[in-house]
Amino acid sequence: MHQMKKLLLVLCATIGLLTGCGDDENEPVIPQESEVTLFDKSTQPIAYINYVDKDSTIYMWDGTPVAYFDGKEDIYHFNGRFLGWYINGVLYDTDGYAVAAQKGIVRGEIIMSNTHLESVKGVKHIKPVPHIHSLKPITPSFKDKWSTRSLSRLLLQEDNTSTDSPIKENQY
């Protein structure tokens, strides 16, 4: 009987370790792949998420680290500026419009079924130390439409605008 209790205790401990000791909702959900490519609205591979390190990092295709996850979906530039949210394979800007998506996403204007081929990635540069990050804005309603801001402009901080409106259909 004593050995049965020991066996049961060992079994419970093993199951506990395999399933995790707790559910931390702030941790990024790590997919089976160690890296996920982010394609822009023209289906070009521009950046990728590296899930290998503790703070999942977004790198430009040339290997430059530009942003990191704080929690499950919040994305910050290394300069501390809040960039957007990564939800269900789509990176949304602060206005709730898509700036990138992973391959296979098809929702509204976001169609990533036929993406361009991925070239060889550059060697990863050393990550900078993140600055204290800004406050996260109020979460907008996410739209399955593209932002006017490109993924490169967002990640490289090539502008200082905080809002973008989508391209109007009759603008041309």
N, C-alpha and C. Protein backbone atom coordinates (compact mmCIF):
# COMPACT_ATOMS: atom_id res chain seq x y z
N MET A 1 0.82 -1.19 0.00
CA MET A 1 0.00 0.00 0.00
C MET A 1 0.87 1.27 0.00
N HIS A 2 1.98 1.20 0.76
CA HIS A 2 2.88 2.34 0.84
C HIS A 2 3.53 2.62 -0.52
N GLN A 3 3.90 1.56 -1.25
CA GLN A 3 4.49 1.74 -2.57
C GLN A 3 3.47 2.29 -3.56
N MET A 4 2.21 1.93 -3.40
CA MET A 4 1.15 2.44 -4.26
C MET A 4 1.01 3.95 -4.09
N LYS A 5 1.08 4.43 -2.84
CA LYS A 5 0.99 5.87 -2.57
C LYS A 5 2.18 6.60 -3.17
N LYS A 6 3.38 5.98 -3.04
CA LYS A 6 4.58 6.59 -3.62
C LYS A 6 4.46 6.69 -5.13
N LEU A 7 3.99 5.61 -5.75
CA LEU A 7 3.82 5.59 -7.19
C LEU A 7 2.82 6.65 -7.64
N LEU A 8 1.73 6.76 -6.91
CA LEU A 8 0.70 7.75 -7.22
C LEU A 8 1.26 9.17 -7.07
N LEU A 9 2.05 9.40 -6.03
CA LEU A 9 2.65 10.71 -5.80
C LEU A 9 3.63 11.05 -6.93
N VAL A 10 4.47 10.10 -7.32
CA VAL A 10 5.41 10.32 -8.41
C VAL A 10 4.67 10.59 -9.72
N LEU A 11 3.61 9.84 -9.97
CA LEU A 11 2.81 10.02 -11.18
C LEU A 11 2.18 11.41 -11.21
N CYS A 12 1.62 11.85 -10.09
CA CYS A 12 1.00 13.19 -10.02
C CYS A 12 2.05 14.28 -10.22
N ALA A 13 3.23 14.11 -9.62
CA ALA A 13 4.29 15.10 -9.77
C ALA A 13 4.74 15.19 -11.22
N THR A 14 4.88 14.04 -11.87
CA THR A 14 5.29 14.01 -13.27
C THR A 14 4.26 14.69 -14.16
N ILE A 15 3.00 14.39 -13.95
CA ILE A 15 1.93 15.02 -14.73
C ILE A 15 1.93 16.53 -14.50
N GLY A 16 2.13 16.94 -13.25
CA GLY A 16 2.18 18.36 -12.94
C GLY A 16 3.31 19.07 -13.65
N LEU A 17 4.48 18.43 -13.71
CA LEU A 17 5.61 19.04 -14.41
C LEU A 17 5.39 19.09 -15.91
N LEU A 18 4.79 18.04 -16.46
CA LEU A 18 4.55 18.00 -17.90
C LEU A 18 3.50 19.01 -18.34
N THR A 19 2.51 19.24 -17.52
CA THR A 19 1.44 20.17 -17.90
C THR A 19 1.72 21.59 -17.47
N GLY A 20 2.73 21.81 -16.66
CA GLY A 20 3.05 23.15 -16.19
C GLY A 20 2.44 23.39 -14.84
N CYS A 21 3.12 24.19 -14.07
CA CYS A 21 2.65 24.42 -12.71
C CYS A 21 1.58 25.48 -12.64
N GLY A 22 1.45 26.29 -13.64
CA GLY A 22 0.44 27.35 -13.60
C GLY A 22 0.22 27.91 -14.98
N ASP A 23 -0.89 28.57 -15.16
CA ASP A 23 -1.20 29.19 -16.43
C ASP A 23 -0.92 30.68 -16.31
N ASP A 24 0.17 31.12 -16.91
CA ASP A 24 0.50 32.53 -16.91
C ASP A 24 0.03 33.12 -18.22
N GLU A 25 -1.05 33.86 -18.18
CA GLU A 25 -1.64 34.39 -19.41
C GLU A 25 -0.79 35.48 -20.03
N ASN A 26 0.22 35.97 -19.31
CA ASN A 26 1.06 37.02 -19.85
C ASN A 26 2.22 36.49 -20.67
N GLU A 27 2.44 35.20 -20.66
CA GLU A 27 3.53 34.62 -21.43
C GLU A 27 3.12 34.44 -22.88
N PRO A 28 4.04 34.70 -23.82
CA PRO A 28 3.71 34.48 -25.23
C PRO A 28 3.38 33.02 -25.50
N VAL A 29 2.44 32.79 -26.39
CA VAL A 29 2.12 31.44 -26.80
C VAL A 29 3.14 31.06 -27.87
N ILE A 30 3.97 30.08 -27.56
CA ILE A 30 5.04 29.71 -28.47
C ILE A 30 4.54 28.63 -29.42
N PRO A 31 4.57 28.94 -30.72
CA PRO A 31 4.13 27.94 -31.69
C PRO A 31 5.15 26.82 -31.82
N GLN A 32 4.81 25.81 -32.59
CA GLN A 32 5.74 24.69 -32.78
C GLN A 32 7.00 25.14 -33.50
N GLU A 33 6.88 26.12 -34.40
CA GLU A 33 8.05 26.62 -35.11
C GLU A 33 8.82 27.55 -34.18
N SER A 34 10.15 27.58 -34.34
CA SER A 34 10.95 28.49 -33.53
C SER A 34 10.96 29.90 -34.12
N GLU A 35 10.59 30.02 -35.40
CA GLU A 35 10.50 31.32 -36.06
C GLU A 35 9.25 31.37 -36.92
N VAL A 36 8.64 32.55 -36.96
CA VAL A 36 7.46 32.77 -37.80
C VAL A 36 7.73 33.99 -38.67
N THR A 37 7.60 33.83 -39.98
CA THR A 37 7.83 34.93 -40.92
C THR A 37 6.63 35.86 -40.93
N LEU A 38 6.91 37.17 -40.97
CA LEU A 38 5.87 38.19 -41.09
C LEU A 38 5.93 38.76 -42.50
N PHE A 39 4.82 38.66 -43.21
CA PHE A 39 4.71 39.17 -44.57
C PHE A 39 3.94 40.48 -44.56
N ASP A 40 4.36 41.43 -45.41
CA ASP A 40 3.64 42.70 -45.51
C ASP A 40 2.45 42.54 -46.46
N LYS A 41 1.75 43.65 -46.72
CA LYS A 41 0.53 43.55 -47.53
C LYS A 41 0.80 43.18 -48.98
N SER A 42 2.05 43.31 -49.44
CA SER A 42 2.39 42.87 -50.79
C SER A 42 2.93 41.43 -50.78
N THR A 43 2.74 40.75 -49.68
CA THR A 43 3.13 39.35 -49.43
C THR A 43 4.64 39.12 -49.47
N GLN A 44 5.42 40.17 -49.23
CA GLN A 44 6.88 40.06 -49.15
C GLN A 44 7.29 39.71 -47.72
N PRO A 45 8.26 38.80 -47.55
CA PRO A 45 8.78 38.53 -46.21
C PRO A 45 9.67 39.69 -45.76
N ILE A 46 9.27 40.37 -44.70
CA ILE A 46 9.97 41.57 -44.25
C ILE A 46 10.68 41.35 -42.92
N ALA A 47 10.05 40.60 -42.04
CA ALA A 47 10.58 40.40 -40.69
C ALA A 47 10.17 39.01 -40.21
N TYR A 48 10.68 38.65 -39.05
CA TYR A 48 10.28 37.37 -38.48
C TYR A 48 10.33 37.44 -36.96
N ILE A 49 9.51 36.61 -36.34
CA ILE A 49 9.49 36.50 -34.88
C ILE A 49 10.34 35.30 -34.51
N ASN A 50 11.28 35.52 -33.60
CA ASN A 50 12.11 34.44 -33.09
C ASN A 50 11.60 34.10 -31.69
N TYR A 51 11.09 32.88 -31.54
CA TYR A 51 10.52 32.44 -30.27
C TYR A 51 11.52 31.69 -29.40
N VAL A 52 12.78 31.59 -29.84
CA VAL A 52 13.76 30.80 -29.10
C VAL A 52 14.15 31.47 -27.79
N ASP A 53 14.38 32.77 -27.83
CA ASP A 53 14.79 33.45 -26.61
C ASP A 53 13.60 33.74 -25.70
N LYS A 54 13.89 34.09 -24.46
CA LYS A 54 12.85 34.30 -23.45
C LYS A 54 11.85 35.38 -23.87
N ASP A 55 12.37 36.53 -24.27
CA ASP A 55 11.50 37.60 -24.75
C ASP A 55 11.43 37.46 -26.26
N SER A 56 10.38 36.86 -26.75
CA SER A 56 10.25 36.65 -28.19
C SER A 56 10.58 37.95 -28.91
N THR A 57 11.46 37.87 -29.89
CA THR A 57 12.01 39.05 -30.55
C THR A 57 11.61 39.08 -32.01
N ILE A 58 11.33 40.29 -32.52
CA ILE A 58 11.07 40.48 -33.94
C ILE A 58 12.34 41.05 -34.57
N TYR A 59 12.79 40.37 -35.62
CA TYR A 59 13.98 40.78 -36.37
C TYR A 59 13.57 41.19 -37.78
N MET A 60 14.25 42.19 -38.33
CA MET A 60 14.11 42.49 -39.74
C MET A 60 14.80 41.36 -40.50
N TRP A 61 14.53 41.24 -41.79
CA TRP A 61 15.08 40.14 -42.57
C TRP A 61 16.60 40.14 -42.59
N ASP A 62 17.22 41.33 -42.44
CA ASP A 62 18.68 41.41 -42.45
C ASP A 62 19.31 41.01 -41.11
N GLY A 63 18.49 40.69 -40.11
CA GLY A 63 19.00 40.25 -38.81
C GLY A 63 18.97 41.31 -37.73
N THR A 64 18.49 42.51 -38.05
CA THR A 64 18.42 43.59 -37.06
C THR A 64 17.26 43.36 -36.10
N PRO A 65 17.54 43.28 -34.79
CA PRO A 65 16.44 43.15 -33.83
C PRO A 65 15.74 44.50 -33.67
N VAL A 66 14.41 44.50 -33.78
CA VAL A 66 13.69 45.78 -33.76
C VAL A 66 12.61 45.85 -32.69
N ALA A 67 12.08 44.73 -32.25
CA ALA A 67 10.97 44.77 -31.30
C ALA A 67 10.93 43.48 -30.50
N TYR A 68 10.15 43.53 -29.43
CA TYR A 68 10.01 42.35 -28.58
C TYR A 68 8.60 42.28 -28.01
N PHE A 69 8.24 41.11 -27.56
CA PHE A 69 6.94 40.90 -26.94
C PHE A 69 7.04 41.19 -25.45
N ASP A 70 6.04 41.86 -24.93
CA ASP A 70 5.88 42.00 -23.49
C ASP A 70 4.54 41.36 -23.18
N GLY A 71 4.57 40.15 -22.74
CA GLY A 71 3.34 39.40 -22.55
C GLY A 71 3.02 38.58 -23.78
N LYS A 72 1.78 38.22 -23.90
CA LYS A 72 1.36 37.29 -24.94
C LYS A 72 1.23 37.94 -26.31
N GLU A 73 0.82 39.21 -26.37
CA GLU A 73 0.54 39.81 -27.68
C GLU A 73 1.01 41.25 -27.84
N ASP A 74 1.46 41.89 -26.79
CA ASP A 74 1.89 43.29 -26.86
C ASP A 74 3.31 43.38 -27.42
N ILE A 75 3.50 44.29 -28.39
CA ILE A 75 4.80 44.43 -29.04
C ILE A 75 5.34 45.83 -28.81
N TYR A 76 6.60 45.88 -28.36
CA TYR A 76 7.29 47.14 -28.11
C TYR A 76 8.58 47.20 -28.92
N HIS A 77 8.89 48.41 -29.40
CA HIS A 77 10.17 48.66 -30.03
C HIS A 77 11.21 48.69 -28.91
N PHE A 78 12.47 48.44 -29.23
CA PHE A 78 13.50 48.48 -28.20
C PHE A 78 13.68 49.88 -27.62
N ASN A 79 13.19 50.91 -28.32
CA ASN A 79 13.25 52.27 -27.78
C ASN A 79 12.16 52.52 -26.74
N GLY A 80 11.29 51.53 -26.51
CA GLY A 80 10.25 51.63 -25.51
C GLY A 80 8.87 51.97 -26.05
N ARG A 81 8.79 52.34 -27.31
CA ARG A 81 7.51 52.74 -27.89
C ARG A 81 6.62 51.52 -28.18
N PHE A 82 5.36 51.63 -27.80
CA PHE A 82 4.40 50.56 -28.09
C PHE A 82 4.12 50.55 -29.58
N LEU A 83 4.20 49.38 -30.21
CA LEU A 83 3.99 49.27 -31.65
C LEU A 83 2.64 48.69 -32.03
N GLY A 84 2.18 47.70 -31.30
CA GLY A 84 0.92 47.07 -31.67
C GLY A 84 0.74 45.73 -31.00
N TRP A 85 -0.15 44.93 -31.59
CA TRP A 85 -0.53 43.63 -31.04
C TRP A 85 -0.34 42.56 -32.10
N TYR A 86 0.08 41.39 -31.67
CA TYR A 86 0.19 40.23 -32.56
C TYR A 86 -0.85 39.22 -32.09
N ILE A 87 -1.92 39.09 -32.88
CA ILE A 87 -3.04 38.25 -32.48
C ILE A 87 -3.41 37.32 -33.62
N ASN A 88 -3.43 36.04 -33.32
CA ASN A 88 -3.84 35.01 -34.29
C ASN A 88 -3.14 35.16 -35.64
N GLY A 89 -1.83 35.40 -35.61
CA GLY A 89 -1.05 35.44 -36.84
C GLY A 89 -1.04 36.77 -37.57
N VAL A 90 -1.65 37.81 -36.99
CA VAL A 90 -1.68 39.13 -37.62
C VAL A 90 -1.09 40.16 -36.66
N LEU A 91 -0.20 41.03 -37.19
CA LEU A 91 0.35 42.13 -36.41
C LEU A 91 -0.48 43.37 -36.73
N TYR A 92 -1.12 43.92 -35.69
CA TYR A 92 -1.98 45.10 -35.84
C TYR A 92 -1.27 46.32 -35.27
N ASP A 93 -1.46 47.48 -35.93
CA ASP A 93 -0.91 48.73 -35.41
C ASP A 93 -1.80 49.28 -34.31
N THR A 94 -1.45 50.45 -33.80
CA THR A 94 -2.19 51.02 -32.67
C THR A 94 -3.60 51.47 -33.02
N ASP A 95 -3.90 51.54 -34.32
CA ASP A 95 -5.26 51.89 -34.75
C ASP A 95 -6.10 50.65 -35.04
N GLY A 96 -5.49 49.47 -34.92
CA GLY A 96 -6.23 48.23 -35.14
C GLY A 96 -6.19 47.72 -36.57
N TYR A 97 -5.33 48.30 -37.41
CA TYR A 97 -5.20 47.85 -38.80
C TYR A 97 -3.99 46.93 -38.94
N ALA A 98 -4.06 45.99 -39.85
CA ALA A 98 -2.99 45.02 -40.07
C ALA A 98 -1.80 45.66 -40.76
N VAL A 99 -0.59 45.32 -40.29
CA VAL A 99 0.64 45.73 -40.96
C VAL A 99 1.43 44.52 -41.43
N ALA A 100 1.09 43.33 -40.92
CA ALA A 100 1.77 42.10 -41.32
C ALA A 100 0.93 40.90 -40.93
N ALA A 101 1.23 39.78 -41.57
CA ALA A 101 0.55 38.53 -41.21
C ALA A 101 1.46 37.37 -41.57
N GLN A 102 1.22 36.26 -40.91
CA GLN A 102 1.99 35.06 -41.23
C GLN A 102 1.34 34.33 -42.39
N LYS A 103 2.09 33.46 -43.01
CA LYS A 103 1.61 32.70 -44.17
C LYS A 103 0.39 31.87 -43.77
N GLY A 104 -0.59 31.83 -44.68
CA GLY A 104 -1.78 31.03 -44.46
C GLY A 104 -2.97 31.79 -43.92
N ILE A 105 -2.77 33.03 -43.47
CA ILE A 105 -3.87 33.83 -42.94
C ILE A 105 -4.72 34.34 -44.10
N VAL A 106 -6.02 34.14 -44.01
CA VAL A 106 -6.97 34.66 -45.00
C VAL A 106 -8.17 35.18 -44.23
N ARG A 107 -8.26 36.52 -44.10
CA ARG A 107 -9.36 37.19 -43.41
C ARG A 107 -9.55 38.56 -44.01
N GLY A 108 -10.70 38.84 -44.57
CA GLY A 108 -10.96 40.16 -45.15
C GLY A 108 -9.93 40.48 -46.21
N GLU A 109 -9.29 41.67 -46.09
CA GLU A 109 -8.25 42.08 -47.04
C GLU A 109 -6.93 41.33 -46.84
N ILE A 110 -6.79 40.66 -45.72
CA ILE A 110 -5.53 39.98 -45.39
C ILE A 110 -5.54 38.60 -46.03
N ILE A 111 -4.80 38.48 -47.13
CA ILE A 111 -4.76 37.21 -47.87
C ILE A 111 -3.30 36.80 -48.02
N MET A 112 -2.88 35.83 -47.23
CA MET A 112 -1.49 35.37 -47.23
C MET A 112 -1.38 33.92 -47.68
N SER A 113 -2.22 33.55 -48.65
CA SER A 113 -2.17 32.17 -49.14
C SER A 113 -1.05 31.96 -50.15
N ASN A 114 -0.73 32.97 -50.93
CA ASN A 114 0.36 32.88 -51.92
C ASN A 114 1.38 33.97 -51.63
N THR A 115 2.37 33.64 -50.82
CA THR A 115 3.39 34.62 -50.43
C THR A 115 4.63 34.46 -51.30
N HIS A 116 5.44 35.52 -51.35
CA HIS A 116 6.71 35.46 -52.07
C HIS A 116 7.66 34.50 -51.35
N LEU A 117 8.61 33.97 -52.10
CA LEU A 117 9.60 33.06 -51.51
C LEU A 117 10.48 33.81 -50.52
N GLU A 118 10.88 33.11 -49.48
CA GLU A 118 11.75 33.69 -48.47
C GLU A 118 13.21 33.51 -48.88
N SER A 119 13.95 34.61 -48.91
CA SER A 119 15.38 34.54 -49.19
C SER A 119 16.11 34.16 -47.90
N VAL A 120 17.40 34.01 -48.00
CA VAL A 120 18.20 33.68 -46.82
C VAL A 120 18.19 34.88 -45.88
N LYS A 121 17.97 34.62 -44.60
CA LYS A 121 17.96 35.69 -43.59
C LYS A 121 19.39 36.10 -43.26
N GLY A 122 19.52 37.36 -42.86
CA GLY A 122 20.82 37.84 -42.41
C GLY A 122 21.15 37.28 -41.04
N VAL A 123 22.42 37.36 -40.67
CA VAL A 123 22.86 36.91 -39.35
C VAL A 123 22.24 37.82 -38.30
N LYS A 124 21.72 37.21 -37.24
CA LYS A 124 21.08 37.99 -36.18
C LYS A 124 22.11 38.87 -35.46
N HIS A 125 21.76 40.15 -35.33
CA HIS A 125 22.59 41.09 -34.59
C HIS A 125 22.28 40.94 -33.10
N ILE A 126 23.16 41.45 -32.27
CA ILE A 126 22.94 41.42 -30.83
C ILE A 126 21.78 42.33 -30.48
N LYS A 127 20.90 41.84 -29.60
CA LYS A 127 19.74 42.63 -29.21
C LYS A 127 20.15 43.77 -28.28
N PRO A 128 19.57 44.96 -28.50
CA PRO A 128 19.83 46.05 -27.56
C PRO A 128 19.05 45.83 -26.26
N VAL A 129 19.44 46.54 -25.24
CA VAL A 129 18.70 46.48 -23.98
C VAL A 129 17.43 47.30 -24.17
N PRO A 130 16.27 46.74 -23.88
CA PRO A 130 15.03 47.50 -24.06
C PRO A 130 14.95 48.68 -23.08
N HIS A 131 14.45 49.82 -23.58
CA HIS A 131 14.19 50.96 -22.71
C HIS A 131 12.90 50.71 -21.94
N ILE A 132 12.67 51.49 -20.92
CA ILE A 132 11.40 51.40 -20.20
C ILE A 132 10.31 51.70 -21.22
N HIS A 133 9.31 50.84 -21.28
CA HIS A 133 8.33 51.03 -22.34
C HIS A 133 7.20 51.97 -21.96
N SER A 134 6.64 52.56 -23.01
CA SER A 134 5.53 53.50 -22.85
C SER A 134 4.28 52.75 -22.42
N LEU A 135 3.30 53.50 -22.01
CA LEU A 135 2.02 52.89 -21.65
C LEU A 135 1.35 52.36 -22.90
N LYS A 136 0.71 51.24 -22.74
CA LYS A 136 -0.02 50.65 -23.86
C LYS A 136 -1.31 51.44 -24.07
N PRO A 137 -1.63 51.79 -25.32
CA PRO A 137 -2.88 52.51 -25.58
C PRO A 137 -4.09 51.61 -25.37
N ILE A 138 -5.24 52.21 -25.38
CA ILE A 138 -6.48 51.44 -25.29
C ILE A 138 -6.54 50.52 -26.50
N THR A 139 -6.90 49.28 -26.26
CA THR A 139 -6.98 48.30 -27.35
C THR A 139 -8.13 48.67 -28.29
N PRO A 140 -7.82 48.87 -29.57
CA PRO A 140 -8.88 49.21 -30.54
C PRO A 140 -9.63 47.95 -30.97
N SER A 141 -10.66 48.14 -31.77
CA SER A 141 -11.26 46.96 -32.39
C SER A 141 -10.38 46.63 -33.59
N PHE A 142 -10.02 45.37 -33.72
CA PHE A 142 -9.11 44.96 -34.79
C PHE A 142 -9.88 44.75 -36.08
N LYS A 143 -9.30 45.28 -37.16
CA LYS A 143 -9.95 45.23 -38.47
C LYS A 143 -9.15 44.32 -39.39
N ASP A 144 -9.83 43.62 -40.24
CA ASP A 144 -9.16 42.77 -41.22
C ASP A 144 -8.90 43.56 -42.49
N LYS A 145 -8.31 44.75 -42.30
CA LYS A 145 -7.94 45.66 -43.38
C LYS A 145 -6.51 46.10 -43.14
N TRP A 146 -5.84 46.50 -44.22
CA TRP A 146 -4.45 46.91 -44.12
C TRP A 146 -4.32 48.36 -43.68
N SER A 147 -3.31 48.63 -42.90
CA SER A 147 -2.94 49.98 -42.49
C SER A 147 -2.25 50.68 -43.66
N THR A 148 -2.24 52.00 -43.64
CA THR A 148 -1.45 52.74 -44.62
C THR A 148 0.03 52.71 -44.25
N ARG A 149 0.33 52.43 -43.01
CA ARG A 149 1.71 52.34 -42.55
C ARG A 149 2.27 50.97 -42.92
N SER A 150 3.46 50.96 -43.49
CA SER A 150 4.08 49.69 -43.86
C SER A 150 4.71 49.04 -42.63
N LEU A 151 4.93 47.76 -42.74
CA LEU A 151 5.58 47.02 -41.66
C LEU A 151 6.98 47.57 -41.40
N SER A 152 7.72 47.85 -42.45
CA SER A 152 9.08 48.39 -42.29
C SER A 152 9.06 49.73 -41.57
N ARG A 153 8.16 50.62 -41.97
CA ARG A 153 8.08 51.94 -41.31
C ARG A 153 7.72 51.79 -39.85
N LEU A 154 6.81 50.87 -39.54
CA LEU A 154 6.41 50.66 -38.15
C LEU A 154 7.59 50.13 -37.33
N LEU A 155 8.23 49.08 -37.81
CA LEU A 155 9.29 48.45 -37.04
C LEU A 155 10.57 49.27 -36.96
N LEU A 156 10.87 50.02 -38.02
CA LEU A 156 12.09 50.82 -38.03
C LEU A 156 11.88 52.23 -37.49
N GLN A 157 10.62 52.54 -37.11
CA GLN A 157 10.30 53.85 -36.53
C GLN A 157 10.70 54.99 -37.45
N GLU A 158 10.32 54.86 -38.73
CA GLU A 158 10.68 55.88 -39.72
C GLU A 158 9.74 57.07 -39.73
N ASP A 159 8.74 57.04 -38.88
CA ASP A 159 7.87 58.21 -38.75
C ASP A 159 7.47 58.33 -37.30
N ASN A 160 6.92 59.46 -36.94
CA ASN A 160 6.50 59.69 -35.56
C ASN A 160 5.01 59.83 -35.43
N THR A 161 4.28 59.41 -36.45
CA THR A 161 2.83 59.51 -36.36
C THR A 161 2.30 58.42 -35.47
N SER A 162 1.25 58.72 -34.75
CA SER A 162 0.68 57.72 -33.86
C SER A 162 -0.60 57.14 -34.41
N THR A 163 -1.12 57.76 -35.45
CA THR A 163 -2.36 57.23 -36.03
C THR A 163 -2.22 57.16 -37.53
N ASP A 164 -2.85 56.19 -38.09
CA ASP A 164 -2.92 56.01 -39.54
C ASP A 164 -4.35 55.69 -39.87
N SER A 165 -4.82 56.25 -40.93
CA SER A 165 -6.16 55.87 -41.37
C SER A 165 -6.00 54.97 -42.58
N PRO A 166 -6.92 54.06 -42.78
CA PRO A 166 -6.79 53.17 -43.93
C PRO A 166 -6.98 53.93 -45.23
N ILE A 167 -6.46 53.39 -46.31
CA ILE A 167 -6.65 53.99 -47.63
C ILE A 167 -8.13 53.90 -47.99
N LYS A 168 -8.69 55.01 -48.37
CA LYS A 168 -10.10 55.02 -48.77
C LYS A 168 -10.22 54.44 -50.17
N GLU A 169 -11.30 53.73 -50.43
CA GLU A 169 -11.47 53.07 -51.72
C GLU A 169 -11.51 54.05 -52.87
N ASN A 170 -12.04 55.24 -52.69
CA ASN A 170 -12.18 56.20 -53.78
C ASN A 170 -11.03 57.20 -53.81
N GLN A 171 -9.93 56.88 -53.17
CA GLN A 171 -8.82 57.80 -53.08
C GLN A 171 -8.03 57.88 -54.38
N TYR A 172 -8.14 56.92 -55.25
CA TYR A 172 -7.39 56.92 -56.50
C TYR A 172 -8.20 57.61 -57.52
